[in-house]
């Protein structure tokens, strides 16, 4: 498995423009980077160990680095603990098909059009109710009736 540093993906790998980096790299492109000790592209051996019915997964990323007379071993371990039942509900949702997409689209189009027409009418109604409350003072009406 190869990892590329996100901040400065080499120009030999990155596509021009705002694209996601490629998910695979041709081996010929990698050879140039593997010889450098602090290269932006690094090769790792990925070892995954699962336990408890594949509920817990531990991944180890191993890299051996030769630097003149030294040999260094880099090991990074990542533990994925079990997921609680509160987060498993997402797995039970069936995938949406074309019918659901079409139904959502029609509801959005007709619902949006209805709201576009109804909103100014409702806003004018609320404005008139507010004006009525401002100009109709019950105390003044009581005083007028006593005269």
C-alpha atoms as a PDB file:
ATOM      1  CA  UNK A   1       0.000   0.000   0.000  1.00  0.00           C
ATOM      2  CA  UNK A   2       1.279   3.463  -0.860  1.00  0.00           C
ATOM      3  CA  UNK A   3       0.491   6.702   0.911  1.00  0.00           C
ATOM      4  CA  UNK A   4       1.058  10.176  -0.509  1.00  0.00           C
ATOM      5  CA  UNK A   5       1.418  13.235   1.655  1.00  0.00           C
ATOM      6  CA  UNK A   6      -1.700  15.342   1.114  1.00  0.00           C
ATOM      7  CA  UNK A   7      -0.130  18.796   1.302  1.00  0.00           C
ATOM      8  CA  UNK A   8       2.313  18.358  -1.530  1.00  0.00           C
ATOM      9  CA  UNK A   9       1.293  15.541  -3.821  1.00  0.00           C
ATOM     10  CA  UNK A  10       4.029  15.209  -6.445  1.00  0.00           C
ATOM     11  CA  UNK A  11       3.283  16.695  -9.849  1.00  0.00           C
ATOM     12  CA  UNK A  12       3.968  13.301 -11.472  1.00  0.00           C
ATOM     13  CA  UNK A  13       0.945  11.835  -9.662  1.00  0.00           C
ATOM     14  CA  UNK A  14      -1.513  14.714  -9.275  1.00  0.00           C
ATOM     15  CA  UNK A  15      -3.959  15.501 -12.048  1.00  0.00           C
ATOM     16  CA  UNK A  16      -4.138  19.175 -13.034  1.00  0.00           C
ATOM     17  CA  UNK A  17      -7.043  21.077 -11.543  1.00  0.00           C
ATOM     18  CA  UNK A  18      -9.212  20.457  -8.474  1.00  0.00           C
ATOM     19  CA  UNK A  19      -9.345  16.658  -8.645  1.00  0.00           C
ATOM     20  CA  UNK A  20      -9.097  13.990  -5.993  1.00  0.00           C
ATOM     21  CA  UNK A  21      -5.701  12.251  -6.075  1.00  0.00           C
ATOM     22  CA  UNK A  22      -5.628   8.935  -7.945  1.00  0.00           C
ATOM     23  CA  UNK A  23      -6.332   5.812  -5.903  1.00  0.00           C
ATOM     24  CA  UNK A  24      -3.582   3.809  -7.595  1.00  0.00           C
ATOM     25  CA  UNK A  25      -0.062   4.659  -8.724  1.00  0.00           C
ATOM     26  CA  UNK A  26       1.869   2.968 -11.505  1.00  0.00           C
ATOM     27  CA  UNK A  27       4.911   1.091 -10.092  1.00  0.00           C
ATOM     28  CA  UNK A  28       7.294   2.943 -12.420  1.00  0.00           C
ATOM     29  CA  UNK A  29       6.252   6.253 -10.854  1.00  0.00           C
ATOM     30  CA  UNK A  30       6.830   4.937  -7.348  1.00  0.00           C
ATOM     31  CA  UNK A  31      10.432   3.771  -7.897  1.00  0.00           C
ATOM     32  CA  UNK A  32      11.748   7.348  -7.915  1.00  0.00           C
ATOM     33  CA  UNK A  33      10.140   8.154  -4.578  1.00  0.00           C
ATOM     34  CA  UNK A  34      11.052   4.989  -2.657  1.00  0.00           C
ATOM     35  CA  UNK A  35      14.769   5.773  -2.733  1.00  0.00           C
ATOM     36  CA  UNK A  36      14.293   9.040  -0.821  1.00  0.00           C
ATOM     37  CA  UNK A  37      14.119   8.769   3.008  1.00  0.00           C
ATOM     38  CA  UNK A  38      11.599  11.597   3.442  1.00  0.00           C
ATOM     39  CA  UNK A  39       9.671  11.198   0.194  1.00  0.00           C
ATOM     40  CA  UNK A  40       6.088  12.463  -0.208  1.00  0.00           C
ATOM     41  CA  UNK A  41       5.098   8.974  -1.434  1.00  0.00           C
ATOM     42  CA  UNK A  42       5.852   6.060   0.878  1.00  0.00           C
ATOM     43  CA  UNK A  43       5.358   2.326   0.641  1.00  0.00           C
ATOM     44  CA  UNK A  44       3.866   0.485   3.615  1.00  0.00           C
ATOM     45  CA  UNK A  45       3.093  -3.126   4.341  1.00  0.00           C
ATOM     46  CA  UNK A  46      -0.446  -3.254   5.707  1.00  0.00           C
ATOM     47  CA  UNK A  47      -1.178  -5.994   8.233  1.00  0.00           C
ATOM     48  CA  UNK A  48      -4.739  -6.245   9.551  1.00  0.00           C
ATOM     49  CA  UNK A  49      -5.742  -8.376  12.537  1.00  0.00           C
ATOM     50  CA  UNK A  50      -9.424  -8.897  13.367  1.00  0.00           C
ATOM     51  CA  UNK A  51     -10.792 -10.319  16.612  1.00  0.00           C
ATOM     52  CA  UNK A  52     -14.110 -10.876  18.408  1.00  0.00           C
ATOM     53  CA  UNK A  53     -16.009 -11.926  15.300  1.00  0.00           C
ATOM     54  CA  UNK A  54     -14.438  -9.132  13.237  1.00  0.00           C
ATOM     55  CA  UNK A  55     -15.782  -6.531  15.680  1.00  0.00           C
ATOM     56  CA  UNK A  56     -12.314  -5.230  16.587  1.00  0.00           C
ATOM     57  CA  UNK A  57      -9.794  -4.549  13.873  1.00  0.00           C
ATOM     58  CA  UNK A  58      -6.168  -3.554  14.371  1.00  0.00           C
ATOM     59  CA  UNK A  59      -4.157  -2.340  11.414  1.00  0.00           C
ATOM     60  CA  UNK A  60      -0.378  -2.176  11.415  1.00  0.00           C
ATOM     61  CA  UNK A  61       1.446  -0.122   8.799  1.00  0.00           C
ATOM     62  CA  UNK A  62       5.088  -1.207   8.463  1.00  0.00           C
ATOM     63  CA  UNK A  63       7.879   0.552   6.584  1.00  0.00           C
ATOM     64  CA  UNK A  64      11.547  -0.379   6.442  1.00  0.00           C
ATOM     65  CA  UNK A  65      13.886   2.475   5.650  1.00  0.00           C
ATOM     66  CA  UNK A  66      17.563   2.077   4.738  1.00  0.00           C
ATOM     67  CA  UNK A  67      19.732   5.118   5.280  1.00  0.00           C
ATOM     68  CA  UNK A  68      23.407   4.460   4.487  1.00  0.00           C
ATOM     69  CA  UNK A  69      24.491   2.012   7.221  1.00  0.00           C
ATOM     70  CA  UNK A  70      21.272   2.213   9.247  1.00  0.00           C
ATOM     71  CA  UNK A  71      18.060   0.251   8.911  1.00  0.00           C
ATOM     72  CA  UNK A  72      14.982   1.776  10.520  1.00  0.00           C
ATOM     73  CA  UNK A  73      11.610   0.157  11.066  1.00  0.00           C
ATOM     74  CA  UNK A  74       8.537   2.386  11.241  1.00  0.00           C
ATOM     75  CA  UNK A  75       5.384   0.820  12.711  1.00  0.00           C
ATOM     76  CA  UNK A  76       2.078   2.631  13.039  1.00  0.00           C
ATOM     77  CA  UNK A  77      -0.820   0.833  14.730  1.00  0.00           C
ATOM     78  CA  UNK A  78      -4.458   1.854  14.388  1.00  0.00           C
ATOM     79  CA  UNK A  79      -7.167   0.240  16.509  1.00  0.00           C
ATOM     80  CA  UNK A  80     -10.766   0.252  15.301  1.00  0.00           C
ATOM     81  CA  UNK A  81     -12.956  -0.551  18.340  1.00  0.00           C
ATOM     82  CA  UNK A  82     -16.431  -2.071  18.038  1.00  0.00           C
ATOM     83  CA  UNK A  83     -19.277   0.173  16.947  1.00  0.00           C
ATOM     84  CA  UNK A  84     -22.125   0.629  19.405  1.00  0.00           C
ATOM     85  CA  UNK A  85     -25.678  -0.264  18.400  1.00  0.00           C
ATOM     86  CA  UNK A  86     -26.573   3.433  18.320  1.00  0.00           C
ATOM     87  CA  UNK A  87     -24.537   3.759  15.113  1.00  0.00           C
ATOM     88  CA  UNK A  88     -25.628   0.514  13.417  1.00  0.00           C
ATOM     89  CA  UNK A  89     -29.039   1.820  12.284  1.00  0.00           C
ATOM     90  CA  UNK A  90     -27.450   3.296   9.157  1.00  0.00           C
ATOM     91  CA  UNK A  91     -26.574  -0.197   7.943  1.00  0.00           C
ATOM     92  CA  UNK A  92     -30.248  -1.211   7.971  1.00  0.00           C
ATOM     93  CA  UNK A  93     -31.432   1.549   5.613  1.00  0.00           C
ATOM     94  CA  UNK A  94     -32.091   0.077   2.162  1.00  0.00           C
ATOM     95  CA  UNK A  95     -30.435   1.870  -0.744  1.00  0.00           C
ATOM     96  CA  UNK A  96     -32.612   4.340  -2.608  1.00  0.00           C
ATOM     97  CA  UNK A  97     -33.593   3.311  -6.102  1.00  0.00           C
ATOM     98  CA  UNK A  98     -34.661   5.274  -9.140  1.00  0.00           C
ATOM     99  CA  UNK A  99     -38.313   5.291  -8.025  1.00  0.00           C
ATOM    100  CA  UNK A 100     -37.415   6.956  -4.734  1.00  0.00           C
ATOM    101  CA  UNK A 101     -35.285   9.513  -6.575  1.00  0.00           C
ATOM    102  CA  UNK A 102     -38.143  10.304  -8.971  1.00  0.00           C
ATOM    103  CA  UNK A 103     -40.642  10.602  -6.096  1.00  0.00           C
ATOM    104  CA  UNK A 104     -38.307  12.966  -4.197  1.00  0.00           C
ATOM    105  CA  UNK A 105     -37.800  15.034  -7.336  1.00  0.00           C
ATOM    106  CA  UNK A 106     -41.548  15.390  -8.000  1.00  0.00           C
ATOM    107  CA  UNK A 107     -42.290  16.243  -4.368  1.00  0.00           C
ATOM    108  CA  UNK A 108     -39.537  18.875  -4.433  1.00  0.00           C
ATOM    109  CA  UNK A 109     -40.737  20.458  -7.669  1.00  0.00           C
ATOM    110  CA  UNK A 110     -44.434  20.607  -6.740  1.00  0.00           C
ATOM    111  CA  UNK A 111     -43.792  21.411  -3.084  1.00  0.00           C
ATOM    112  CA  UNK A 112     -41.362  24.181  -4.005  1.00  0.00           C
ATOM    113  CA  UNK A 113     -43.831  25.698  -6.470  1.00  0.00           C
ATOM    114  CA  UNK A 114     -46.638  25.596  -3.902  1.00  0.00           C
ATOM    115  CA  UNK A 115     -44.428  27.287  -1.305  1.00  0.00           C
ATOM    116  CA  UNK A 116     -43.379  29.915  -3.845  1.00  0.00           C
ATOM    117  CA  UNK A 117     -47.045  30.838  -4.422  1.00  0.00           C
ATOM    118  CA  UNK A 118     -48.251  30.467  -0.813  1.00  0.00           C
ATOM    119  CA  UNK A 119     -45.391  32.314   0.962  1.00  0.00           C
ATOM    120  CA  UNK A 120     -46.189  35.875  -0.279  1.00  0.00           C
ATOM    121  CA  UNK A 121     -49.911  35.376   0.445  1.00  0.00           C
ATOM    122  CA  UNK A 122     -49.203  34.159   3.983  1.00  0.00           C
ATOM    123  CA  UNK A 123     -46.708  36.983   4.566  1.00  0.00           C
ATOM    124  CA  UNK A 124     -49.278  39.597   3.452  1.00  0.00           C
ATOM    125  CA  UNK A 125     -51.871  38.021   5.778  1.00  0.00           C
ATOM    126  CA  UNK A 126     -49.481  38.208   8.744  1.00  0.00           C
ATOM    127  CA  UNK A 127     -48.651  41.823   7.854  1.00  0.00           C
ATOM    128  CA  UNK A 128     -52.356  42.794   7.840  1.00  0.00           C
ATOM    129  CA  UNK A 129     -52.957  41.011  11.165  1.00  0.00           C
ATOM    130  CA  UNK A 130     -50.034  42.943  12.642  1.00  0.00           C
ATOM    131  CA  UNK A 131     -51.357  46.252  11.319  1.00  0.00           C
ATOM    132  CA  UNK A 132     -54.765  45.493  12.746  1.00  0.00           C
ATOM    133  CA  UNK A 133     -53.245  44.863  16.187  1.00  0.00           C
ATOM    134  CA  UNK A 134     -51.306  48.124  16.000  1.00  0.00           C
ATOM    135  CA  UNK A 135     -54.252  50.312  14.999  1.00  0.00           C
ATOM    136  CA  UNK A 136     -56.932  48.601  17.054  1.00  0.00           C
ATOM    137  CA  UNK A 137     -56.432  49.486  20.667  1.00  0.00           C
ATOM    138  CA  UNK A 138     -59.109  47.961  22.960  1.00  0.00           C
ATOM    139  CA  UNK A 139     -58.741  50.731  25.551  1.00  0.00           C
ATOM    140  CA  UNK A 140     -59.633  53.374  22.976  1.00  0.00           C
ATOM    141  CA  UNK A 141     -62.691  51.385  21.879  1.00  0.00           C
ATOM    142  CA  UNK A 142     -63.922  51.201  25.526  1.00  0.00           C
ATOM    143  CA  UNK A 143     -63.413  54.950  26.037  1.00  0.00           C
ATOM    144  CA  UNK A 144     -65.351  55.771  22.853  1.00  0.00           C
ATOM    145  CA  UNK A 145     -68.278  53.609  23.883  1.00  0.00           C
ATOM    146  CA  UNK A 146     -68.581  55.385  27.294  1.00  0.00           C
ATOM    147  CA  UNK A 147     -68.913  58.830  25.710  1.00  0.00           C
END
